[in-house]
Amino acid sequence: MDVTQTAIRLNSPNPSRLRAFYREVLGLRTAPELGDGMFRLGADSFLDIDAHEGVRGPADEPQRRVIELGVADTAGQRRRIAARGVRFVREDETEAWAGAVCTLVDPDGNYVRLTQW
């Protein structure tokens, strides 16, 4: 299989609130030419936040699906985002492979891991 593009679909009971979080708090770039709720994750990857009739309440197992975003400075991003009142379930730590990681919780209870390679 030759994958040419990646998209993550994140369904929410309140997509407007979740879109605002990813846009205004995390600072992801929107891709309005691709539709409402579309965000660019690098050159050829996207996050699509939408509604789904089967989604209710917060994420039941947030550890199962983790959105991982590569950033240049995890510590700086964590300070910036935490200042906006966002809860982190994992503070800055250096992994055995020498990368830095921290994990935050979005308004729906999903985990978002920031990774600095």
C-alpha atoms as a PDB file:
ATOM      1  CA  MET A   1       0.000   0.000   0.000  1.00  0.00           C
ATOM      2  CA  ASP A   2       1.342   3.418  -0.943  1.00  0.00           C
ATOM      3  CA  VAL A   3      -0.226   5.922   1.438  1.00  0.00           C
ATOM      4  CA  THR A   4      -0.185   9.399  -0.085  1.00  0.00           C
ATOM      5  CA  GLN A   5      -2.029  11.285   2.634  1.00  0.00           C
ATOM      6  CA  THR A   6      -3.156  10.796   6.229  1.00  0.00           C
ATOM      7  CA  ALA A   7      -6.293  12.107   7.911  1.00  0.00           C
ATOM      8  CA  ILE A   8      -7.486  11.577  11.463  1.00  0.00           C
ATOM      9  CA  ARG A   9     -11.243  11.842  11.979  1.00  0.00           C
ATOM     10  CA  LEU A  10     -12.145  12.992  15.467  1.00  0.00           C
ATOM     11  CA  ASN A  11     -15.889  12.830  16.103  1.00  0.00           C
ATOM     12  CA  SER A  12     -17.328  14.898  18.930  1.00  0.00           C
ATOM     13  CA  PRO A  13     -20.668  15.511  20.625  1.00  0.00           C
ATOM     14  CA  ASN A  14     -19.725  19.218  20.447  1.00  0.00           C
ATOM     15  CA  PRO A  15     -17.592  19.769  17.332  1.00  0.00           C
ATOM     16  CA  SER A  16     -17.768  23.584  17.528  1.00  0.00           C
ATOM     17  CA  ARG A  17     -16.173  23.596  20.974  1.00  0.00           C
ATOM     18  CA  LEU A  18     -13.527  21.060  19.949  1.00  0.00           C
ATOM     19  CA  ARG A  19     -12.673  22.929  16.736  1.00  0.00           C
ATOM     20  CA  ALA A  20     -12.227  26.146  18.725  1.00  0.00           C
ATOM     21  CA  PHE A  21      -9.858  24.360  21.121  1.00  0.00           C
ATOM     22  CA  TYR A  22      -7.636  22.974  18.358  1.00  0.00           C
ATOM     23  CA  ARG A  23      -7.672  26.305  16.504  1.00  0.00           C
ATOM     24  CA  GLU A  24      -7.436  28.837  19.339  1.00  0.00           C
ATOM     25  CA  VAL A  25      -5.699  26.980  22.175  1.00  0.00           C
ATOM     26  CA  LEU A  26      -3.409  24.563  20.352  1.00  0.00           C
ATOM     27  CA  GLY A  27      -2.967  26.906  17.397  1.00  0.00           C
ATOM     28  CA  LEU A  28      -3.400  24.385  14.588  1.00  0.00           C
ATOM     29  CA  ARG A  29      -3.724  25.794  11.085  1.00  0.00           C
ATOM     30  CA  THR A  30      -7.159  25.369   9.550  1.00  0.00           C
ATOM     31  CA  ALA A  31      -7.728  24.064   6.029  1.00  0.00           C
ATOM     32  CA  PRO A  32     -11.065  25.718   5.140  1.00  0.00           C
ATOM     33  CA  GLU A  33     -10.666  24.786   1.488  1.00  0.00           C
ATOM     34  CA  LEU A  34     -11.146  21.171   2.581  1.00  0.00           C
ATOM     35  CA  GLY A  35     -14.214  21.827   4.720  1.00  0.00           C
ATOM     36  CA  ASP A  36     -15.310  22.995   8.140  1.00  0.00           C
ATOM     37  CA  GLY A  37     -13.339  21.426  10.931  1.00  0.00           C
ATOM     38  CA  MET A  38     -10.282  20.534   8.835  1.00  0.00           C
ATOM     39  CA  PHE A  39      -6.812  21.253  10.235  1.00  0.00           C
ATOM     40  CA  ARG A  40      -3.406  20.797   8.620  1.00  0.00           C
ATOM     41  CA  LEU A  41      -0.945  18.542  10.415  1.00  0.00           C
ATOM     42  CA  GLY A  42       2.185  19.058   8.359  1.00  0.00           C
ATOM     43  CA  ALA A  43       2.362  18.875   4.576  1.00  0.00           C
ATOM     44  CA  ASP A  44       0.058  15.949   3.783  1.00  0.00           C
ATOM     45  CA  SER A  45      -1.772  15.099   6.993  1.00  0.00           C
ATOM     46  CA  PHE A  46      -5.054  16.428   8.361  1.00  0.00           C
ATOM     47  CA  LEU A  47      -7.272  16.396  11.421  1.00  0.00           C
ATOM     48  CA  ASP A  48     -11.004  16.405  10.678  1.00  0.00           C
ATOM     49  CA  ILE A  49     -13.273  17.322  13.599  1.00  0.00           C
ATOM     50  CA  ASP A  50     -16.937  16.574  13.013  1.00  0.00           C
ATOM     51  CA  ALA A  51     -20.133  15.367  14.669  1.00  0.00           C
ATOM     52  CA  HIS A  52     -21.388  11.793  14.711  1.00  0.00           C
ATOM     53  CA  GLU A  53     -24.753  10.615  16.002  1.00  0.00           C
ATOM     54  CA  GLY A  54     -23.149   7.704  17.860  1.00  0.00           C
ATOM     55  CA  VAL A  55     -20.754   9.843  19.922  1.00  0.00           C
ATOM     56  CA  ARG A  56     -21.902  10.844  23.390  1.00  0.00           C
ATOM     57  CA  GLY A  57     -20.002  12.243  26.368  1.00  0.00           C
ATOM     58  CA  PRO A  58     -16.243  12.288  26.904  1.00  0.00           C
ATOM     59  CA  ALA A  59     -13.776   9.772  25.454  1.00  0.00           C
ATOM     60  CA  ASP A  60     -14.228   6.495  27.355  1.00  0.00           C
ATOM     61  CA  GLU A  61     -10.646   5.234  26.913  1.00  0.00           C
ATOM     62  CA  PRO A  62      -8.452   8.199  26.001  1.00  0.00           C
ATOM     63  CA  GLN A  63      -5.292   6.090  26.278  1.00  0.00           C
ATOM     64  CA  ARG A  64      -6.477   3.931  23.366  1.00  0.00           C
ATOM     65  CA  ARG A  65      -6.356   6.705  20.752  1.00  0.00           C
ATOM     66  CA  VAL A  66      -3.671   9.338  21.204  1.00  0.00           C
ATOM     67  CA  ILE A  67      -3.141  12.137  18.718  1.00  0.00           C
ATOM     68  CA  GLU A  68       0.599  12.727  18.516  1.00  0.00           C
ATOM     69  CA  LEU A  69       1.889  16.066  17.261  1.00  0.00           C
ATOM     70  CA  GLY A  70       5.575  16.625  16.584  1.00  0.00           C
ATOM     71  CA  VAL A  71       6.736  20.042  17.814  1.00  0.00           C
ATOM     72  CA  ALA A  72      10.086  21.829  18.058  1.00  0.00           C
ATOM     73  CA  ASP A  73       9.820  22.642  21.800  1.00  0.00           C
ATOM     74  CA  THR A  74       7.580  20.533  24.046  1.00  0.00           C
ATOM     75  CA  ALA A  75       8.447  22.490  27.194  1.00  0.00           C
ATOM     76  CA  GLY A  76       7.595  25.829  25.595  1.00  0.00           C
ATOM     77  CA  GLN A  77       4.361  24.518  24.114  1.00  0.00           C
ATOM     78  CA  ARG A  78       3.354  22.939  27.423  1.00  0.00           C
ATOM     79  CA  ARG A  79       3.876  26.236  29.281  1.00  0.00           C
ATOM     80  CA  ARG A  80       1.917  28.168  26.627  1.00  0.00           C
ATOM     81  CA  ILE A  81      -0.988  25.706  26.573  1.00  0.00           C
ATOM     82  CA  ALA A  82      -1.087  25.151  30.363  1.00  0.00           C
ATOM     83  CA  ALA A  83      -1.355  28.939  30.825  1.00  0.00           C
ATOM     84  CA  ARG A  84      -4.702  28.639  28.993  1.00  0.00           C
ATOM     85  CA  GLY A  85      -5.967  26.261  31.701  1.00  0.00           C
ATOM     86  CA  VAL A  86      -5.454  23.000  29.802  1.00  0.00           C
ATOM     87  CA  ARG A  87      -4.861  19.913  31.949  1.00  0.00           C
ATOM     88  CA  PHE A  88      -1.788  17.781  31.304  1.00  0.00           C
ATOM     89  CA  VAL A  89      -1.743  14.111  32.326  1.00  0.00           C
ATOM     90  CA  ARG A  90       1.971  13.839  31.613  1.00  0.00           C
ATOM     91  CA  GLU A  91       4.460  16.635  32.180  1.00  0.00           C
ATOM     92  CA  ASP A  92       7.628  17.057  30.130  1.00  0.00           C
ATOM     93  CA  GLU A  93       9.675  13.877  30.229  1.00  0.00           C
ATOM     94  CA  THR A  94      12.609  12.607  28.223  1.00  0.00           C
ATOM     95  CA  GLU A  95      12.068   9.143  26.777  1.00  0.00           C
ATOM     96  CA  ALA A  96      14.762   6.434  26.518  1.00  0.00           C
ATOM     97  CA  TRP A  97      15.093   7.256  22.814  1.00  0.00           C
ATOM     98  CA  ALA A  98      16.047  10.831  23.877  1.00  0.00           C
ATOM     99  CA  GLY A  99      12.868  12.541  22.702  1.00  0.00           C
ATOM    100  CA  ALA A 100      10.804  14.816  24.952  1.00  0.00           C
ATOM    101  CA  VAL A 101       7.065  14.220  25.411  1.00  0.00           C
ATOM    102  CA  CYS A 102       4.088  15.614  27.328  1.00  0.00           C
ATOM    103  CA  THR A 103       0.394  14.754  27.092  1.00  0.00           C
ATOM    104  CA  LEU A 104      -2.629  17.029  27.416  1.00  0.00           C
ATOM    105  CA  VAL A 105      -6.374  16.430  27.518  1.00  0.00           C
ATOM    106  CA  ASP A 106      -8.718  18.128  25.010  1.00  0.00           C
ATOM    107  CA  PRO A 107     -12.287  19.224  25.936  1.00  0.00           C
ATOM    108  CA  ASP A 108     -13.701  15.830  24.885  1.00  0.00           C
ATOM    109  CA  GLY A 109     -11.226  13.934  27.066  1.00  0.00           C
ATOM    110  CA  ASN A 110      -8.987  12.810  24.177  1.00  0.00           C
ATOM    111  CA  TYR A 111      -5.259  12.641  24.789  1.00  0.00           C
ATOM    112  CA  VAL A 112      -2.926  14.753  22.664  1.00  0.00           C
ATOM    113  CA  ARG A 113       0.754  13.968  22.985  1.00  0.00           C
ATOM    114  CA  LEU A 114       3.329  16.590  22.041  1.00  0.00           C
ATOM    115  CA  THR A 115       6.608  15.034  20.950  1.00  0.00           C
ATOM    116  CA  GLN A 116       9.972  16.627  20.311  1.00  0.00           C
ATOM    117  CA  TRP A 117      12.287  14.297  18.392  1.00  0.00           C
END
